[in-house]
């Protein structure tokens, strides 16, 4: 249970919502729980913990962004 709360708070950003209204708070809570479930499914399929998955996803996203930026530079040149 402790791992669930830690991962939900740190990896799914449940506490980082700058929202004020009840509707936006509920939407953020729902999105955070969905993110946790997706991380849990990836954890089971890749045999990695949530922190390793988050790092791997961040690195892949950064690499894809730089690749797209390089392609845009080539098109503009």
PDB file of N, CA and C in Angstrom:
ATOM      1  N   UNK A   1       0.822  -1.192   0.000  1.00  0.00           N
ATOM      2  CA  UNK A   1       0.000   0.000   0.000  1.00  0.00           C
ATOM      3  C   UNK A   1       0.869   1.260   0.000  1.00  0.00           C
ATOM      4  N   UNK A   2       1.987   1.208   0.721  1.00  0.00           N
ATOM      5  CA  UNK A   2       2.872   2.375   0.775  1.00  0.00           C
ATOM      6  C   UNK A   2       3.455   2.681  -0.599  1.00  0.00           C
ATOM      7  N   UNK A   3       3.807   1.633  -1.356  1.00  0.00           N
ATOM      8  CA  UNK A   3       4.345   1.832  -2.702  1.00  0.00           C
ATOM      9  C   UNK A   3       3.310   2.508  -3.599  1.00  0.00           C
ATOM     10  N   UNK A   4       2.050   2.138  -3.431  1.00  0.00           N
ATOM     11  CA  UNK A   4       0.967   2.742  -4.208  1.00  0.00           C
ATOM     12  C   UNK A   4       0.890   4.244  -3.942  1.00  0.00           C
ATOM     13  N   UNK A   5       0.886   4.630  -2.677  1.00  0.00           N
ATOM     14  CA  UNK A   5       0.776   6.049  -2.330  1.00  0.00           C
ATOM     15  C   UNK A   5       2.005   6.835  -2.783  1.00  0.00           C
ATOM     16  N   UNK A   6       3.182   6.242  -2.605  1.00  0.00           N
ATOM     17  CA  UNK A   6       4.418   6.918  -3.010  1.00  0.00           C
ATOM     18  C   UNK A   6       4.446   7.130  -4.526  1.00  0.00           C
ATOM     19  N   UNK A   7       4.106   6.099  -5.262  1.00  0.00           N
ATOM     20  CA  UNK A   7       4.122   6.211  -6.713  1.00  0.00           C
ATOM     21  C   UNK A   7       3.035   7.152  -7.215  1.00  0.00           C
ATOM     22  N   UNK A   8       1.865   7.082  -6.605  1.00  0.00           N
ATOM     23  CA  UNK A   8       0.774   7.969  -7.010  1.00  0.00           C
ATOM     24  C   UNK A   8       1.143   9.425  -6.769  1.00  0.00           C
ATOM     25  N   UNK A   9       1.824   9.683  -5.671  1.00  0.00           N
ATOM     26  CA  UNK A   9       2.202  11.057  -5.335  1.00  0.00           C
ATOM     27  C   UNK A   9       3.371  11.549  -6.189  1.00  0.00           C
ATOM     28  N   UNK A  10       4.417  10.731  -6.339  1.00  0.00           N
ATOM     29  CA  UNK A  10       5.627  11.182  -7.014  1.00  0.00           C
ATOM     30  C   UNK A  10       5.601  10.985  -8.524  1.00  0.00           C
ATOM     31  N   UNK A  11       5.099   9.866  -8.988  1.00  0.00           N
ATOM     32  CA  UNK A  11       5.160   9.567 -10.419  1.00  0.00           C
ATOM     33  C   UNK A  11       3.935  10.025 -11.189  1.00  0.00           C
ATOM     34  N   UNK A  12       2.793  10.038 -10.544  1.00  0.00           N
ATOM     35  CA  UNK A  12       1.571  10.444 -11.234  1.00  0.00           C
ATOM     36  C   UNK A  12       1.196  11.888 -10.928  1.00  0.00           C
ATOM     37  N   UNK A  13       1.991  12.583 -10.150  1.00  0.00           N
ATOM     38  CA  UNK A  13       1.821  14.012  -9.848  1.00  0.00           C
ATOM     39  C   UNK A  13       0.452  14.351  -9.282  1.00  0.00           C
ATOM     40  N   UNK A  14       0.007  13.554  -8.342  1.00  0.00           N
ATOM     41  CA  UNK A  14      -1.322  13.794  -7.779  1.00  0.00           C
ATOM     42  C   UNK A  14      -1.357  15.058  -6.929  1.00  0.00           C
ATOM     43  N   UNK A  15      -0.234  15.440  -6.338  1.00  0.00           N
ATOM     44  CA  UNK A  15      -0.220  16.601  -5.444  1.00  0.00           C
ATOM     45  C   UNK A  15       0.203  17.891  -6.144  1.00  0.00           C
ATOM     46  N   UNK A  16       0.474  17.838  -7.441  1.00  0.00           N
ATOM     47  CA  UNK A  16       1.026  19.001  -8.139  1.00  0.00           C
ATOM     48  C   UNK A  16       0.005  19.736  -8.993  1.00  0.00           C
ATOM     49  N   UNK A  17      -1.230  19.733  -8.588  1.00  0.00           N
ATOM     50  CA  UNK A  17      -2.269  20.377  -9.388  1.00  0.00           C
ATOM     51  C   UNK A  17      -2.577  21.767  -8.853  1.00  0.00           C
ATOM     52  N   UNK A  18      -2.311  22.808  -9.639  1.00  0.00           N
ATOM     53  CA  UNK A  18      -2.641  24.167  -9.199  1.00  0.00           C
ATOM     54  C   UNK A  18      -4.096  24.514  -9.527  1.00  0.00           C
ATOM     55  N   UNK A  19      -5.002  23.679  -9.086  1.00  0.00           N
ATOM     56  CA  UNK A  19      -6.417  23.865  -9.420  1.00  0.00           C
ATOM     57  C   UNK A  19      -7.193  24.304  -8.192  1.00  0.00           C
ATOM     58  N   UNK A  20      -8.289  25.006  -8.426  1.00  0.00           N
ATOM     59  CA  UNK A  20      -9.081  25.551  -7.320  1.00  0.00           C
ATOM     60  C   UNK A  20     -10.483  24.958  -7.244  1.00  0.00           C
ATOM     61  N   UNK A  21     -11.098  24.701  -8.394  1.00  0.00           N
ATOM     62  CA  UNK A  21     -12.492  24.257  -8.367  1.00  0.00           C
ATOM     63  C   UNK A  21     -12.589  22.745  -8.174  1.00  0.00           C
ATOM     64  N   UNK A  22     -13.728  22.312  -7.708  1.00  0.00           N
ATOM     65  CA  UNK A  22     -13.950  20.895  -7.439  1.00  0.00           C
ATOM     66  C   UNK A  22     -13.871  20.057  -8.715  1.00  0.00           C
ATOM     67  N   UNK A  23     -14.382  20.583  -9.816  1.00  0.00           N
ATOM     68  CA  UNK A  23     -14.377  19.838 -11.078  1.00  0.00           C
ATOM     69  C   UNK A  23     -12.959  19.601 -11.573  1.00  0.00           C
ATOM     70  N   UNK A  24     -12.127  20.638 -11.546  1.00  0.00           N
ATOM     71  CA  UNK A  24     -10.752  20.468 -12.022  1.00  0.00           C
ATOM     72  C   UNK A  24      -9.949  19.586 -11.076  1.00  0.00           C
ATOM     73  N   UNK A  25     -10.233  19.631  -9.785  1.00  0.00           N
ATOM     74  CA  UNK A  25      -9.566  18.734  -8.836  1.00  0.00           C
ATOM     75  C   UNK A  25      -9.940  17.284  -9.119  1.00  0.00           C
ATOM     76  N   UNK A  26     -11.214  17.048  -9.389  1.00  0.00           N
ATOM     77  CA  UNK A  26     -11.670  15.688  -9.698  1.00  0.00           C
ATOM     78  C   UNK A  26     -11.055  15.194 -11.006  1.00  0.00           C
ATOM     79  N   UNK A  27     -10.971  16.071 -12.000  1.00  0.00           N
ATOM     80  CA  UNK A  27     -10.352  15.699 -13.277  1.00  0.00           C
ATOM     81  C   UNK A  27      -8.881  15.354 -13.089  1.00  0.00           C
ATOM     82  N   UNK A  28      -8.174  16.151 -12.279  1.00  0.00           N
ATOM     83  CA  UNK A  28      -6.760  15.889 -12.035  1.00  0.00           C
ATOM     84  C   UNK A  28      -6.577  14.573 -11.280  1.00  0.00           C
ATOM     85  N   UNK A  29      -7.415  14.315 -10.303  1.00  0.00           N
ATOM     86  CA  UNK A  29      -7.345  13.059  -9.554  1.00  0.00           C
ATOM     87  C   UNK A  29      -7.572  11.872 -10.490  1.00  0.00           C
ATOM     88  N   UNK A  30      -8.574  11.967 -11.349  1.00  0.00           N
ATOM     89  CA  UNK A  30      -8.852  10.894 -12.305  1.00  0.00           C
ATOM     90  C   UNK A  30      -7.671  10.677 -13.255  1.00  0.00           C
ATOM     91  N   UNK A  31      -7.109  11.757 -13.786  1.00  0.00           N
ATOM     92  CA  UNK A  31      -5.974  11.643 -14.704  1.00  0.00           C
ATOM     93  C   UNK A  31      -4.755  11.050 -14.001  1.00  0.00           C
ATOM     94  N   UNK A  32      -4.538  11.407 -12.735  1.00  0.00           N
ATOM     95  CA  UNK A  32      -3.415  10.864 -11.974  1.00  0.00           C
ATOM     96  C   UNK A  32      -3.573   9.367 -11.743  1.00  0.00           C
ATOM     97  N   UNK A  33      -4.779   8.940 -11.427  1.00  0.00           N
ATOM     98  CA  UNK A  33      -5.021   7.509 -11.216  1.00  0.00           C
ATOM     99  C   UNK A  33      -4.868   6.742 -12.531  1.00  0.00           C
ATOM    100  N   UNK A  34      -5.318   7.324 -13.638  1.00  0.00           N
ATOM    101  CA  UNK A  34      -5.122   6.695 -14.952  1.00  0.00           C
ATOM    102  C   UNK A  34      -3.633   6.564 -15.273  1.00  0.00           C
ATOM    103  N   UNK A  35      -2.863   7.597 -14.970  1.00  0.00           N
ATOM    104  CA  UNK A  35      -1.416   7.550 -15.199  1.00  0.00           C
ATOM    105  C   UNK A  35      -0.774   6.465 -14.348  1.00  0.00           C
ATOM    106  N   UNK A  36      -1.214   6.328 -13.097  1.00  0.00           N
ATOM    107  CA  UNK A  36      -0.677   5.283 -12.230  1.00  0.00           C
ATOM    108  C   UNK A  36      -0.988   3.901 -12.800  1.00  0.00           C
ATOM    109  N   UNK A  37      -2.200   3.705 -13.293  1.00  0.00           N
ATOM    110  CA  UNK A  37      -2.581   2.402 -13.853  1.00  0.00           C
ATOM    111  C   UNK A  37      -1.739   2.082 -15.085  1.00  0.00           C
ATOM    112  N   UNK A  38      -1.499   3.087 -15.934  1.00  0.00           N
ATOM    113  CA  UNK A  38      -0.654   2.865 -17.105  1.00  0.00           C
ATOM    114  C   UNK A  38       0.772   2.515 -16.693  1.00  0.00           C
ATOM    115  N   UNK A  39       1.303   3.208 -15.678  1.00  0.00           N
ATOM    116  CA  UNK A  39       2.638   2.880 -15.183  1.00  0.00           C
ATOM    117  C   UNK A  39       2.681   1.464 -14.616  1.00  0.00           C
ATOM    118  N   UNK A  40       1.639   1.082 -13.913  1.00  0.00           N
ATOM    119  CA  UNK A  40       1.583  -0.259 -13.329  1.00  0.00           C
ATOM    120  C   UNK A  40       1.558  -1.330 -14.425  1.00  0.00           C
ATOM    121  N   UNK A  41       0.809  -1.087 -15.494  1.00  0.00           N
ATOM    122  CA  UNK A  41       0.776  -2.038 -16.614  1.00  0.00           C
ATOM    123  C   UNK A  41       2.143  -2.131 -17.291  1.00  0.00           C
ATOM    124  N   UNK A  42       2.807  -0.985 -17.479  1.00  0.00           N
ATOM    125  CA  UNK A  42       4.152  -0.999 -18.063  1.00  0.00           C
ATOM    126  C   UNK A  42       5.142  -1.703 -17.146  1.00  0.00           C
ATOM    127  N   UNK A  43       4.982  -1.497 -15.845  1.00  0.00           N
ATOM    128  CA  UNK A  43       5.855  -2.143 -14.858  1.00  0.00           C
ATOM    129  C   UNK A  43       5.773  -3.663 -14.988  1.00  0.00           C
ATOM    130  N   UNK A  44       4.572  -4.176 -15.122  1.00  0.00           N
ATOM    131  CA  UNK A  44       4.387  -5.622 -15.225  1.00  0.00           C
ATOM    132  C   UNK A  44       4.897  -6.172 -16.553  1.00  0.00           C
ATOM    133  N   UNK A  45       4.734  -5.423 -17.629  1.00  0.00           N
ATOM    134  CA  UNK A  45       5.156  -5.927 -18.935  1.00  0.00           C
ATOM    135  C   UNK A  45       6.656  -5.780 -19.188  1.00  0.00           C
ATOM    136  N   UNK A  46       7.306  -4.805 -18.547  1.00  0.00           N
ATOM    137  CA  UNK A  46       8.734  -4.569 -18.791  1.00  0.00           C
ATOM    138  C   UNK A  46       9.632  -4.981 -17.631  1.00  0.00           C
ATOM    139  N   UNK A  47       9.052  -5.431 -16.542  1.00  0.00           N
ATOM    140  CA  UNK A  47       9.812  -5.843 -15.352  1.00  0.00           C
ATOM    141  C   UNK A  47      10.740  -4.743 -14.843  1.00  0.00           C
ATOM    142  N   UNK A  48      10.250  -3.511 -14.826  1.00  0.00           N
ATOM    143  CA  UNK A  48      10.981  -2.368 -14.283  1.00  0.00           C
ATOM    144  C   UNK A  48      10.104  -1.689 -13.243  1.00  0.00           C
ATOM    145  N   UNK A  49      10.740  -0.962 -12.312  1.00  0.00           N
ATOM    146  CA  UNK A  49       9.934  -0.228 -11.333  1.00  0.00           C
ATOM    147  C   UNK A  49       9.460   1.097 -11.932  1.00  0.00           C
ATOM    148  N   UNK A  50       8.593   1.787 -11.201  1.00  0.00           N
ATOM    149  CA  UNK A  50       7.992   3.022 -11.719  1.00  0.00           C
ATOM    150  C   UNK A  50       9.032   4.096 -12.004  1.00  0.00           C
ATOM    151  N   UNK A  51      10.045   4.199 -11.156  1.00  0.00           N
ATOM    152  CA  UNK A  51      11.053   5.242 -11.334  1.00  0.00           C
ATOM    153  C   UNK A  51      11.906   4.972 -12.571  1.00  0.00           C
ATOM    154  N   UNK A  52      12.255   3.712 -12.808  1.00  0.00           N
ATOM    155  CA  UNK A  52      13.021   3.358 -14.005  1.00  0.00           C
ATOM    156  C   UNK A  52      12.189   3.593 -15.262  1.00  0.00           C
ATOM    157  N   UNK A  53      10.901   3.257 -15.197  1.00  0.00           N
ATOM    158  CA  UNK A  53      10.017   3.500 -16.339  1.00  0.00           C
ATOM    159  C   UNK A  53       9.879   4.983 -16.638  1.00  0.00           C
ATOM    160  N   UNK A  54       9.718   5.777 -15.591  1.00  0.00           N
ATOM    161  CA  UNK A  54       9.568   7.222 -15.772  1.00  0.00           C
ATOM    162  C   UNK A  54      10.826   7.811 -16.412  1.00  0.00           C
ATOM    163  N   UNK A  55      11.987   7.354 -15.963  1.00  0.00           N
ATOM    164  CA  UNK A  55      13.250   7.821 -16.532  1.00  0.00           C
ATOM    165  C   UNK A  55      13.372   7.399 -17.991  1.00  0.00           C
ATOM    166  N   UNK A  56      13.034   6.141 -18.275  1.00  0.00           N
ATOM    167  CA  UNK A  56      13.119   5.634 -19.644  1.00  0.00           C
ATOM    168  C   UNK A  56      12.170   6.396 -20.574  1.00  0.00           C
ATOM    169  N   UNK A  57      10.958   6.659 -20.118  1.00  0.00           N
ATOM    170  CA  UNK A  57      10.000   7.428 -20.913  1.00  0.00           C
ATOM    171  C   UNK A  57      10.493   8.850 -21.161  1.00  0.00           C
ATOM    172  N   UNK A  58      11.079   9.472 -20.142  1.00  0.00           N
ATOM    173  CA  UNK A  58      11.592  10.834 -20.278  1.00  0.00           C
ATOM    174  C   UNK A  58      12.737  10.885 -21.283  1.00  0.00           C
ATOM    175  N   UNK A  59      13.653   9.923 -21.205  1.00  0.00           N
ATOM    176  CA  UNK A  59      14.788   9.888 -22.133  1.00  0.00           C
ATOM    177  C   UNK A  59      14.295   9.678 -23.562  1.00  0.00           C
ATOM    178  N   UNK A  60      13.369   8.746 -23.753  1.00  0.00           N
ATOM    179  CA  UNK A  60      12.834   8.499 -25.099  1.00  0.00           C
ATOM    180  C   UNK A  60      12.104   9.718 -25.652  1.00  0.00           C
ATOM    181  N   UNK A  61      11.339  10.397 -24.817  1.00  0.00           N
ATOM    182  CA  UNK A  61      10.624  11.598 -25.262  1.00  0.00           C
ATOM    183  C   UNK A  61      11.600  12.711 -25.625  1.00  0.00           C
ATOM    184  N   UNK A  62      12.653  12.869 -24.846  1.00  0.00           N
ATOM    185  CA  UNK A  62      13.660  13.892 -25.127  1.00  0.00           C
ATOM    186  C   UNK A  62      14.376  13.593 -26.437  1.00  0.00           C
ATOM    187  N   UNK A  63      14.742  12.331 -26.654  1.00  0.00           N
ATOM    188  CA  UNK A  63      15.402  11.948 -27.899  1.00  0.00           C
ATOM    189  C   UNK A  63      14.493  12.189 -29.103  1.00  0.00           C
ATOM    190  N   UNK A  64      13.224  11.867 -28.969  1.00  0.00           N
ATOM    191  CA  UNK A  64      12.278  12.091 -30.071  1.00  0.00           C
ATOM    192  C   UNK A  64      12.124  13.581 -30.364  1.00  0.00           C
ATOM    193  N   UNK A  65      12.112  14.396 -29.318  1.00  0.00           N
ATOM    194  CA  UNK A  65      11.984  15.843 -29.510  1.00  0.00           C
ATOM    195  C   UNK A  65      13.206  16.408 -30.228  1.00  0.00           C
ATOM    196  N   UNK A  66      14.400  15.961 -29.848  1.00  0.00           N
ATOM    197  CA  UNK A  66      15.608  16.443 -30.515  1.00  0.00           C
ATOM    198  C   UNK A  66      15.668  15.970 -31.967  1.00  0.00           C
ATOM    199  N   UNK A  67      15.200  14.750 -32.221  1.00  0.00           N
ATOM    200  CA  UNK A  67      15.176  14.237 -33.589  1.00  0.00           C
ATOM    201  C   UNK A  67      14.233  15.073 -34.452  1.00  0.00           C
ATOM    202  N   UNK A  68      13.069  15.397 -33.919  1.00  0.00           N
ATOM    203  CA  UNK A  68      12.111  16.223 -34.655  1.00  0.00           C
ATOM    204  C   UNK A  68      12.651  17.633 -34.867  1.00  0.00           C
ATOM    205  N   UNK A  69      13.337  18.174 -33.880  1.00  0.00           N
ATOM    206  CA  UNK A  69      13.940  19.495 -34.013  1.00  0.00           C
ATOM    207  C   UNK A  69      14.999  19.501 -35.109  1.00  0.00           C
ATOM    208  N   UNK A  70      15.803  18.448 -35.172  1.00  0.00           N
ATOM    209  CA  UNK A  70      16.820  18.352 -36.216  1.00  0.00           C
ATOM    210  C   UNK A  70      16.173  18.280 -37.601  1.00  0.00           C
ATOM    211  N   UNK A  71      15.069  17.549 -37.725  1.00  0.00           N
ATOM    212  CA  UNK A  71      14.367  17.460 -39.005  1.00  0.00           C
ATOM    213  C   UNK A  71      13.787  18.810 -39.410  1.00  0.00           C
ATOM    214  N   UNK A  72      13.274  19.567 -38.450  1.00  0.00           N
ATOM    215  CA  UNK A  72      12.753  20.900 -38.751  1.00  0.00           C
ATOM    216  C   UNK A  72      13.862  21.843 -39.207  1.00  0.00           C
ATOM    217  N   UNK A  73      15.030  21.726 -38.593  1.00  0.00           N
ATOM    218  CA  UNK A  73      16.161  22.567 -38.998  1.00  0.00           C
ATOM    219  C   UNK A  73      16.577  22.260 -40.426  1.00  0.00           C
ATOM    220  N   UNK A  74      16.536  20.977 -40.799  1.00  0.00           N
ATOM    221  CA  UNK A  74      16.902  20.585 -42.164  1.00  0.00           C
ATOM    222  C   UNK A  74      15.887  21.145 -43.162  1.00  0.00           C
ATOM    223  N   UNK A  75      14.603  21.083 -42.819  1.00  0.00           N
ATOM    224  CA  UNK A  75      13.563  21.602 -43.713  1.00  0.00           C
ATOM    225  C   UNK A  75      13.680  23.110 -43.895  1.00  0.00           C
ATOM    226  N   UNK A  76      14.042  23.822 -42.840  1.00  0.00           N
ATOM    227  CA  UNK A  76      14.128  25.277 -42.907  1.00  0.00           C
ATOM    228  C   UNK A  76      15.416  25.764 -43.560  1.00  0.00           C
ATOM    229  N   UNK A  77      16.414  24.911 -43.621  1.00  0.00           N
ATOM    230  CA  UNK A  77      17.701  25.326 -44.188  1.00  0.00           C
ATOM    231  C   UNK A  77      17.722  25.285 -45.687  1.00  0.00           C
TER     232      UNK A  77
END
